Amino acid sequence: IINAPLAPLRVAAGAGTGKTTTLAHRVGALVTDQGI
């Protein structure tokens, strides 16, 4: 998820699976690696 290609992405997972943390790291990767 963090390193997925630049495109709209929907993540669905159960409670306590780290969705919010993963999304934060995805945003960080998009900003630092993709220049978004």
Full PDB file with SEQRES, HELIX, SHEET, SSBOND, CRYST1, ORIGX, SCALE, CONECT and MASTER records, all heavy atoms in Angstrom:
SEQRES   1 A   36  ILE ILE ASN ALA PRO LEU ALA PRO LEU ARG VAL ALA ALA          
SEQRES   2 A   36  GLY ALA GLY THR GLY LYS THR THR THR LEU ALA HIS ARG          
SEQRES   3 A   36  VAL GLY ALA LEU VAL THR ASP GLN GLY ILE                      
HELIX    1 AA1 LYS A   19  GLN A   34  1                                  16    
CRYST1    1.000    1.000    1.000  90.00  90.00  90.00 P 1           1          
ORIGX1      1.000000  0.000000  0.000000        0.00000                         
ORIGX2      0.000000  1.000000  0.000000        0.00000                         
ORIGX3      0.000000  0.000000  1.000000        0.00000                         
SCALE1      1.000000  0.000000  0.000000        0.00000                         
SCALE2      0.000000  1.000000  0.000000        0.00000                         
SCALE3      0.000000  0.000000  1.000000        0.00000                         
ATOM      1  N   ILE A   1       0.837  -1.201   0.000  1.00  0.00           N  
ATOM      2  CA  ILE A   1       0.000   0.000   0.000  1.00  0.00           C  
ATOM      3  C   ILE A   1       0.868   1.247   0.000  1.00  0.00           C  
ATOM      4  O   ILE A   1       0.654   2.177  -0.780  1.00  0.00           O  
ATOM      5  CB  ILE A   1      -0.950   0.001   1.220  1.00  0.00           C  
ATOM      6  CG1 ILE A   1      -1.975  -1.123   1.074  1.00  0.00           C  
ATOM      7  CG2 ILE A   1      -1.635   1.355   1.394  1.00  0.00           C  
ATOM      8  CD1 ILE A   1      -2.699  -1.465   2.357  1.00  0.00           C  
ATOM      9  N   ILE A   2       1.852   1.288   0.857  1.00  0.00           N  
ATOM     10  CA  ILE A   2       2.729   2.448   0.975  1.00  0.00           C  
ATOM     11  C   ILE A   2       3.439   2.736  -0.349  1.00  0.00           C  
ATOM     12  O   ILE A   2       3.570   3.884  -0.759  1.00  0.00           O  
ATOM     13  CB  ILE A   2       3.753   2.250   2.117  1.00  0.00           C  
ATOM     14  CG1 ILE A   2       3.026   2.227   3.467  1.00  0.00           C  
ATOM     15  CG2 ILE A   2       4.830   3.333   2.079  1.00  0.00           C  
ATOM     16  CD1 ILE A   2       3.864   1.708   4.616  1.00  0.00           C  
ATOM     17  N   ASN A   3       3.863   1.691  -1.034  1.00  0.00           N  
ATOM     18  CA  ASN A   3       4.662   1.853  -2.249  1.00  0.00           C  
ATOM     19  C   ASN A   3       3.877   1.635  -3.537  1.00  0.00           C  
ATOM     20  O   ASN A   3       4.479   1.509  -4.611  1.00  0.00           O  
ATOM     21  CB  ASN A   3       5.847   0.889  -2.195  1.00  0.00           C  
ATOM     22  CG  ASN A   3       6.724   1.174  -0.999  1.00  0.00           C  
ATOM     23  OD1 ASN A   3       7.136   2.299  -0.766  1.00  0.00           O  
ATOM     24  ND2 ASN A   3       6.994   0.144  -0.204  1.00  0.00           N  
ATOM     25  N   ALA A   4       2.555   1.614  -3.463  1.00  0.00           N  
ATOM     26  CA  ALA A   4       1.729   1.399  -4.655  1.00  0.00           C  
ATOM     27  C   ALA A   4       1.951   2.520  -5.667  1.00  0.00           C  
ATOM     28  O   ALA A   4       2.303   3.648  -5.296  1.00  0.00           O  
ATOM     29  CB  ALA A   4       0.257   1.336  -4.260  1.00  0.00           C  
ATOM     30  N   PRO A   5       1.757   2.221  -6.942  1.00  0.00           N  
ATOM     31  CA  PRO A   5       1.901   3.257  -7.969  1.00  0.00           C  
ATOM     32  C   PRO A   5       0.953   4.430  -7.708  1.00  0.00           C  
ATOM     33  O   PRO A   5      -0.083   4.280  -7.050  1.00  0.00           O  
ATOM     34  CB  PRO A   5       1.513   2.545  -9.263  1.00  0.00           C  
ATOM     35  CG  PRO A   5       1.643   1.093  -8.971  1.00  0.00           C  
ATOM     36  CD  PRO A   5       1.388   0.934  -7.507  1.00  0.00           C  
ATOM     37  N   LEU A   6       1.316   5.567  -8.252  1.00  0.00           N  
ATOM     38  CA  LEU A   6       0.513   6.770  -8.086  1.00  0.00           C  
ATOM     39  C   LEU A   6      -0.814   6.619  -8.824  1.00  0.00           C  
ATOM     40  O   LEU A   6      -0.864   6.594 -10.054  1.00  0.00           O  
ATOM     41  CB  LEU A   6       1.283   7.983  -8.615  1.00  0.00           C  
ATOM     42  CG  LEU A   6       0.600   9.335  -8.463  1.00  0.00           C  
ATOM     43  CD1 LEU A   6       0.322   9.623  -6.996  1.00  0.00           C  
ATOM     44  CD2 LEU A   6       1.465  10.424  -9.061  1.00  0.00           C  
ATOM     45  N   ALA A   7      -1.851   6.430  -8.070  1.00  0.00           N  
ATOM     46  CA  ALA A   7      -3.204   6.274  -8.603  1.00  0.00           C  
ATOM     47  C   ALA A   7      -4.149   6.311  -7.407  1.00  0.00           C  
ATOM     48  O   ALA A   7      -3.714   6.104  -6.266  1.00  0.00           O  
ATOM     49  CB  ALA A   7      -3.345   4.938  -9.329  1.00  0.00           C  
ATOM     50  N   PRO A   8      -5.428   6.590  -7.640  1.00  0.00           N  
ATOM     51  CA  PRO A   8      -6.369   6.507  -6.516  1.00  0.00           C  
ATOM     52  C   PRO A   8      -6.279   5.121  -5.871  1.00  0.00           C  
ATOM     53  O   PRO A   8      -6.109   4.113  -6.568  1.00  0.00           O  
ATOM     54  CB  PRO A   8      -7.727   6.721  -7.178  1.00  0.00           C  
ATOM     55  CG  PRO A   8      -7.416   7.523  -8.408  1.00  0.00           C  
ATOM     56  CD  PRO A   8      -6.083   6.982  -8.871  1.00  0.00           C  
ATOM     57  N   LEU A   9      -6.389   5.097  -4.562  1.00  0.00           N  
ATOM     58  CA  LEU A   9      -6.216   3.849  -3.833  1.00  0.00           C  
ATOM     59  C   LEU A   9      -7.211   3.797  -2.687  1.00  0.00           C  
ATOM     60  O   LEU A   9      -7.354   4.762  -1.938  1.00  0.00           O  
ATOM     61  CB  LEU A   9      -4.776   3.784  -3.292  1.00  0.00           C  
ATOM     62  CG  LEU A   9      -4.354   2.566  -2.513  1.00  0.00           C  
ATOM     63  CD1 LEU A   9      -4.341   1.337  -3.414  1.00  0.00           C  
ATOM     64  CD2 LEU A   9      -2.952   2.787  -1.940  1.00  0.00           C  
ATOM     65  N   ARG A  10      -7.893   2.701  -2.554  1.00  0.00           N  
ATOM     66  CA  ARG A  10      -8.812   2.492  -1.432  1.00  0.00           C  
ATOM     67  C   ARG A  10      -8.269   1.342  -0.601  1.00  0.00           C  
ATOM     68  O   ARG A  10      -7.926   0.285  -1.132  1.00  0.00           O  
ATOM     69  CB  ARG A  10     -10.218   2.152  -1.913  1.00  0.00           C  
ATOM     70  CG  ARG A  10     -11.189   1.931  -0.751  1.00  0.00           C  
ATOM     71  CD  ARG A  10     -12.609   1.737  -1.209  1.00  0.00           C  
ATOM     72  NE  ARG A  10     -12.940   0.428  -1.723  1.00  0.00           N  
ATOM     73  CZ  ARG A  10     -13.203  -0.654  -0.975  1.00  0.00           C  
ATOM     74  NH1 ARG A  10     -13.124  -0.601   0.321  1.00  0.00           N  
ATOM     75  NH2 ARG A  10     -13.538  -1.789  -1.530  1.00  0.00           N  
ATOM     76  N   VAL A  11      -8.192   1.562   0.701  1.00  0.00           N  
ATOM     77  CA  VAL A  11      -7.698   0.537   1.618  1.00  0.00           C  
ATOM     78  C   VAL A  11      -8.816   0.202   2.589  1.00  0.00           C  
ATOM     79  O   VAL A  11      -9.372   1.084   3.227  1.00  0.00           O  
ATOM     80  CB  VAL A  11      -6.454   1.038   2.396  1.00  0.00           C  
ATOM     81  CG1 VAL A  11      -6.013   0.008   3.415  1.00  0.00           C  
ATOM     82  CG2 VAL A  11      -5.336   1.370   1.435  1.00  0.00           C  
ATOM     83  N   ALA A  12      -9.146  -1.059   2.682  1.00  0.00           N  
ATOM     84  CA  ALA A  12     -10.161  -1.520   3.624  1.00  0.00           C  
ATOM     85  C   ALA A  12      -9.566  -2.674   4.420  1.00  0.00           C  
ATOM     86  O   ALA A  12      -9.006  -3.602   3.846  1.00  0.00           O  
ATOM     87  CB  ALA A  12     -11.414  -1.980   2.890  1.00  0.00           C  
ATOM     88  N   ALA A  13      -9.650  -2.574   5.728  1.00  0.00           N  
ATOM     89  CA  ALA A  13      -9.128  -3.625   6.600  1.00  0.00           C  
ATOM     90  C   ALA A  13      -9.845  -3.521   7.937  1.00  0.00           C  
ATOM     91  O   ALA A  13     -10.475  -2.505   8.238  1.00  0.00           O  
ATOM     92  CB  ALA A  13      -7.626  -3.478   6.775  1.00  0.00           C  
ATOM     93  N   GLY A  14      -9.714  -4.537   8.737  1.00  0.00           N  
ATOM     94  CA  GLY A  14     -10.394  -4.585  10.025  1.00  0.00           C  
ATOM     95  C   GLY A  14      -9.787  -3.672  11.074  1.00  0.00           C  
ATOM     96  O   GLY A  14      -8.745  -3.050  10.872  1.00  0.00           O  
ATOM     97  N   ALA A  15     -10.448  -3.628  12.215  1.00  0.00           N  
ATOM     98  CA  ALA A  15      -9.998  -2.800  13.330  1.00  0.00           C  
ATOM     99  C   ALA A  15      -8.631  -3.250  13.818  1.00  0.00           C  
ATOM    100  O   ALA A  15      -8.341  -4.445  13.878  1.00  0.00           O  
ATOM    101  CB  ALA A  15     -11.011  -2.884  14.465  1.00  0.00           C  
ATOM    102  N   GLY A  16      -7.786  -2.289  14.136  1.00  0.00           N  
ATOM    103  CA  GLY A  16      -6.482  -2.592  14.722  1.00  0.00           C  
ATOM    104  C   GLY A  16      -5.452  -3.131  13.757  1.00  0.00           C  
ATOM    105  O   GLY A  16      -4.449  -3.702  14.178  1.00  0.00           O  
ATOM    106  N   THR A  17      -5.668  -2.940  12.454  1.00  0.00           N  
ATOM    107  CA  THR A  17      -4.736  -3.491  11.467  1.00  0.00           C  
ATOM    108  C   THR A  17      -3.675  -2.500  11.012  1.00  0.00           C  
ATOM    109  O   THR A  17      -2.831  -2.839  10.194  1.00  0.00           O  
ATOM    110  CB  THR A  17      -5.493  -4.014  10.239  1.00  0.00           C  
ATOM    111  OG1 THR A  17      -6.270  -2.949   9.679  1.00  0.00           O  
ATOM    112  CG2 THR A  17      -6.392  -5.193  10.602  1.00  0.00           C  
ATOM    113  N   GLY A  18      -3.742  -1.267  11.510  1.00  0.00           N  
ATOM    114  CA  GLY A  18      -2.726  -0.284  11.150  1.00  0.00           C  
ATOM    115  C   GLY A  18      -3.052   0.549   9.928  1.00  0.00           C  
ATOM    116  O   GLY A  18      -2.162   1.096   9.286  1.00  0.00           O  
ATOM    117  N   LYS A  19      -4.342   0.688   9.623  1.00  0.00           N  
ATOM    118  CA  LYS A  19      -4.739   1.474   8.446  1.00  0.00           C  
ATOM    119  C   LYS A  19      -4.273   2.916   8.546  1.00  0.00           C  
ATOM    120  O   LYS A  19      -3.727   3.460   7.583  1.00  0.00           O  
ATOM    121  CB  LYS A  19      -6.264   1.451   8.268  1.00  0.00           C  
ATOM    122  CG  LYS A  19      -6.840   0.104   7.891  1.00  0.00           C  
ATOM    123  CD  LYS A  19      -8.353   0.155   7.771  1.00  0.00           C  
ATOM    124  CE  LYS A  19      -9.061   0.540   9.049  1.00  0.00           C  
ATOM    125  NZ  LYS A  19      -8.937  -0.398  10.163  1.00  0.00           N  
ATOM    126  N   THR A  20      -4.483   3.554   9.675  1.00  0.00           N  
ATOM    127  CA  THR A  20      -4.138   4.963   9.826  1.00  0.00           C  
ATOM    128  C   THR A  20      -2.630   5.169   9.723  1.00  0.00           C  
ATOM    129  O   THR A  20      -2.160   6.072   9.024  1.00  0.00           O  
ATOM    130  CB  THR A  20      -4.675   5.506  11.158  1.00  0.00           C  
ATOM    131  OG1 THR A  20      -6.095   5.298  11.200  1.00  0.00           O  
ATOM    132  CG2 THR A  20      -4.392   6.982  11.323  1.00  0.00           C  
ATOM    133  N   THR A  21      -1.858   4.326  10.369  1.00  0.00           N  
ATOM    134  CA  THR A  21      -0.399   4.419  10.291  1.00  0.00           C  
ATOM    135  C   THR A  21       0.077   4.160   8.867  1.00  0.00           C  
ATOM    136  O   THR A  21       0.952   4.868   8.347  1.00  0.00           O  
ATOM    137  CB  THR A  21       0.257   3.422  11.263  1.00  0.00           C  
ATOM    138  OG1 THR A  21      -0.174   3.733  12.591  1.00  0.00           O  
ATOM    139  CG2 THR A  21       1.770   3.497  11.194  1.00  0.00           C  
ATOM    140  N   THR A  22      -0.507   3.169   8.213  1.00  0.00           N  
ATOM    141  CA  THR A  22      -0.133   2.862   6.837  1.00  0.00           C  
ATOM    142  C   THR A  22      -0.461   4.035   5.927  1.00  0.00           C  
ATOM    143  O   THR A  22       0.348   4.409   5.065  1.00  0.00           O  
ATOM    144  CB  THR A  22      -0.855   1.585   6.362  1.00  0.00           C  
ATOM    145  OG1 THR A  22      -0.493   0.507   7.230  1.00  0.00           O  
ATOM    146  CG2 THR A  22      -0.482   1.232   4.933  1.00  0.00           C  
ATOM    147  N   LEU A  23      -1.627   4.646   6.110  1.00  0.00           N  
ATOM    148  CA  LEU A  23      -2.005   5.801   5.300  1.00  0.00           C  
ATOM    149  C   LEU A  23      -1.038   6.958   5.525  1.00  0.00           C  
ATOM    150  O   LEU A  23      -0.639   7.636   4.568  1.00  0.00           O  
ATOM    151  CB  LEU A  23      -3.443   6.223   5.613  1.00  0.00           C  
ATOM    152  CG  LEU A  23      -4.003   7.400   4.821  1.00  0.00           C  
ATOM    153  CD1 LEU A  23      -3.897   7.166   3.319  1.00  0.00           C  
ATOM    154  CD2 LEU A  23      -5.439   7.669   5.219  1.00  0.00           C  
ATOM    155  N   ALA A  24      -0.632   7.197   6.754  1.00  0.00           N  
ATOM    156  CA  ALA A  24       0.331   8.264   7.031  1.00  0.00           C  
ATOM    157  C   ALA A  24       1.651   7.999   6.308  1.00  0.00           C  
ATOM    158  O   ALA A  24       2.252   8.914   5.731  1.00  0.00           O  
ATOM    159  CB  ALA A  24       0.560   8.394   8.537  1.00  0.00           C  
ATOM    160  N   HIS A  25       2.095   6.769   6.306  1.00  0.00           N  
ATOM    161  CA  HIS A  25       3.335   6.431   5.603  1.00  0.00           C  
ATOM    162  C   HIS A  25       3.155   6.522   4.088  1.00  0.00           C  
ATOM    163  O   HIS A  25       4.088   6.890   3.373  1.00  0.00           O  
ATOM    164  CB  HIS A  25       3.841   5.053   6.036  1.00  0.00           C  
ATOM    165  CG  HIS A  25       4.511   5.088   7.364  1.00  0.00           C  
ATOM    166  ND1 HIS A  25       5.846   5.339   7.517  1.00  0.00           N  
ATOM    167  CD2 HIS A  25       4.015   4.930   8.611  1.00  0.00           C  
ATOM    168  CE1 HIS A  25       6.159   5.326   8.798  1.00  0.00           C  
ATOM    169  NE2 HIS A  25       5.044   5.087   9.486  1.00  0.00           N  
ATOM    170  N   ARG A  26       1.974   6.208   3.600  1.00  0.00           N  
ATOM    171  CA  ARG A  26       1.676   6.370   2.169  1.00  0.00           C  
ATOM    172  C   ARG A  26       1.781   7.840   1.784  1.00  0.00           C  
ATOM    173  O   ARG A  26       2.382   8.199   0.773  1.00  0.00           O  
ATOM    174  CB  ARG A  26       0.284   5.822   1.866  1.00  0.00           C  
ATOM    175  CG  ARG A  26      -0.283   6.165   0.509  1.00  0.00           C  
ATOM    176  CD  ARG A  26       0.280   5.307  -0.577  1.00  0.00           C  
ATOM    177  NE  ARG A  26      -0.419   5.557  -1.838  1.00  0.00           N  
ATOM    178  CZ  ARG A  26       0.071   5.285  -3.008  1.00  0.00           C  
ATOM    179  NH1 ARG A  26       1.249   4.708  -3.117  1.00  0.00           N  
ATOM    180  NH2 ARG A  26      -0.594   5.540  -4.099  1.00  0.00           N  
ATOM    181  N   VAL A  27       1.198   8.715   2.588  1.00  0.00           N  
ATOM    182  CA  VAL A  27       1.283  10.155   2.327  1.00  0.00           C  
ATOM    183  C   VAL A  27       2.737  10.594   2.334  1.00  0.00           C  
ATOM    184  O   VAL A  27       3.189  11.327   1.446  1.00  0.00           O  
ATOM    185  CB  VAL A  27       0.449  10.957   3.350  1.00  0.00           C  
ATOM    186  CG1 VAL A  27       0.735  12.443   3.241  1.00  0.00           C  
ATOM    187  CG2 VAL A  27      -1.031  10.684   3.159  1.00  0.00           C  
ATOM    188  N   GLY A  28       3.509  10.131   3.333  1.00  0.00           N  
ATOM    189  CA  GLY A  28       4.924  10.474   3.391  1.00  0.00           C  
ATOM    190  C   GLY A  28       5.675  10.026   2.151  1.00  0.00           C  
ATOM    191  O   GLY A  28       6.502  10.772   1.599  1.00  0.00           O  
ATOM    192  N   ALA A  29       5.379   8.823   1.668  1.00  0.00           N  
ATOM    193  CA  ALA A  29       6.039   8.308   0.461  1.00  0.00           C  
ATOM    194  C   ALA A  29       5.636   9.119  -0.763  1.00  0.00           C  
ATOM    195  O   ALA A  29       6.478   9.405  -1.626  1.00  0.00           O  
ATOM    196  CB  ALA A  29       5.696   6.829   0.260  1.00  0.00           C  
ATOM    197  N   LEU A  30       4.382   9.498  -0.864  1.00  0.00           N  
ATOM    198  CA  LEU A  30       3.946  10.296  -2.009  1.00  0.00           C  
ATOM    199  C   LEU A  30       4.630  11.660  -2.021  1.00  0.00           C  
ATOM    200  O   LEU A  30       5.035  12.159  -3.073  1.00  0.00           O  
ATOM    201  CB  LEU A  30       2.423  10.482  -1.994  1.00  0.00           C  
ATOM    202  CG  LEU A  30       1.598   9.233  -2.296  1.00  0.00           C  
ATOM    203  CD1 LEU A  30       0.112   9.516  -2.061  1.00  0.00           C  
ATOM    204  CD2 LEU A  30       1.828   8.752  -3.716  1.00  0.00           C  
ATOM    205  N   VAL A  31       4.776  12.253  -0.847  1.00  0.00           N  
ATOM    206  CA  VAL A  31       5.412  13.571  -0.754  1.00  0.00           C  
ATOM    207  C   VAL A  31       6.908  13.475  -1.032  1.00  0.00           C  
ATOM    208  O   VAL A  31       7.449  14.233  -1.839  1.00  0.00           O  
ATOM    209  CB  VAL A  31       5.134  14.208   0.629  1.00  0.00           C  
ATOM    210  CG1 VAL A  31       5.961  15.470   0.834  1.00  0.00           C  
ATOM    211  CG2 VAL A  31       3.644  14.512   0.776  1.00  0.00           C  
ATOM    212  N   THR A  32       7.581  12.522  -0.408  1.00  0.00           N  
ATOM    213  CA  THR A  32       9.039  12.453  -0.552  1.00  0.00           C  
ATOM    214  C   THR A  32       9.498  11.760  -1.823  1.00  0.00           C  
ATOM    215  O   THR A  32      10.464  12.195  -2.441  1.00  0.00           O  
ATOM    216  CB  THR A  32       9.686  11.751   0.657  1.00  0.00           C  
ATOM    217  OG1 THR A  32       9.169  10.432   0.767  1.00  0.00           O  
ATOM    218  CG2 THR A  32       9.437  12.511   1.943  1.00  0.00           C  
ATOM    219  N   ASP A  33       8.799  10.716  -2.249  1.00  0.00           N  
ATOM    220  CA  ASP A  33       9.255   9.936  -3.405  1.00  0.00           C  
ATOM    221  C   ASP A  33       8.628  10.392  -4.724  1.00  0.00           C  
ATOM    222  O   ASP A  33       9.248  10.241  -5.772  1.00  0.00           O  
ATOM    223  CB  ASP A  33       8.953   8.446  -3.210  1.00  0.00           C  
ATOM    224  CG  ASP A  33       9.643   7.868  -1.984  1.00  0.00           C  
ATOM    225  OD1 ASP A  33      10.635   8.459  -1.519  1.00  0.00           O  
ATOM    226  OD2 ASP A  33       9.174   6.829  -1.498  1.00  0.00           O  
ATOM    227  N   GLN A  34       7.411  10.919  -4.665  1.00  0.00           N  
ATOM    228  CA  GLN A  34       6.705  11.298  -5.882  1.00  0.00           C  
ATOM    229  C   GLN A  34       6.621  12.807  -6.088  1.00  0.00           C  
ATOM    230  O   GLN A  34       6.135  13.263  -7.113  1.00  0.00           O  
ATOM    231  CB  GLN A  34       5.281  10.713  -5.879  1.00  0.00           C  
ATOM    232  CG  GLN A  34       5.210   9.213  -5.804  1.00  0.00           C  
ATOM    233  CD  GLN A  34       5.617   8.554  -7.112  1.00  0.00           C  
ATOM    234  OE1 GLN A  34       5.457   9.111  -8.178  1.00  0.00           O  
ATOM    235  NE2 GLN A  34       6.153   7.354  -7.012  1.00  0.00           N  
ATOM    236  N   GLY A  35       7.047  13.573  -5.069  1.00  0.00           N  
ATOM    237  CA  GLY A  35       7.003  15.027  -5.192  1.00  0.00           C  
ATOM    238  C   GLY A  35       5.604  15.624  -5.174  1.00  0.00           C  
ATOM    239  O   GLY A  35       5.383  16.721  -5.664  1.00  0.00           O  
ATOM    240  N   ILE A  36       4.664  14.908  -4.593  1.00  0.00           N  
ATOM    241  CA  ILE A  36       3.280  15.384  -4.510  1.00  0.00           C  
ATOM    242  C   ILE A  36       3.173  16.353  -3.337  1.00  0.00           C  
ATOM    243  O   ILE A  36       3.668  16.084  -2.242  1.00  0.00           O  
ATOM    244  CB  ILE A  36       2.303  14.207  -4.301  1.00  0.00           C  
ATOM    245  CG1 ILE A  36       2.478  13.136  -5.373  1.00  0.00           C  
ATOM    246  CG2 ILE A  36       0.863  14.702  -4.220  1.00  0.00           C  
ATOM    247  CD1 ILE A  36       2.207  13.604  -6.770  1.00  0.00           C  
TER     248      ILE A  36                                                      
MASTER        0    0    0    1    0    0    0    6  247    1    0    3          
END                                                                             
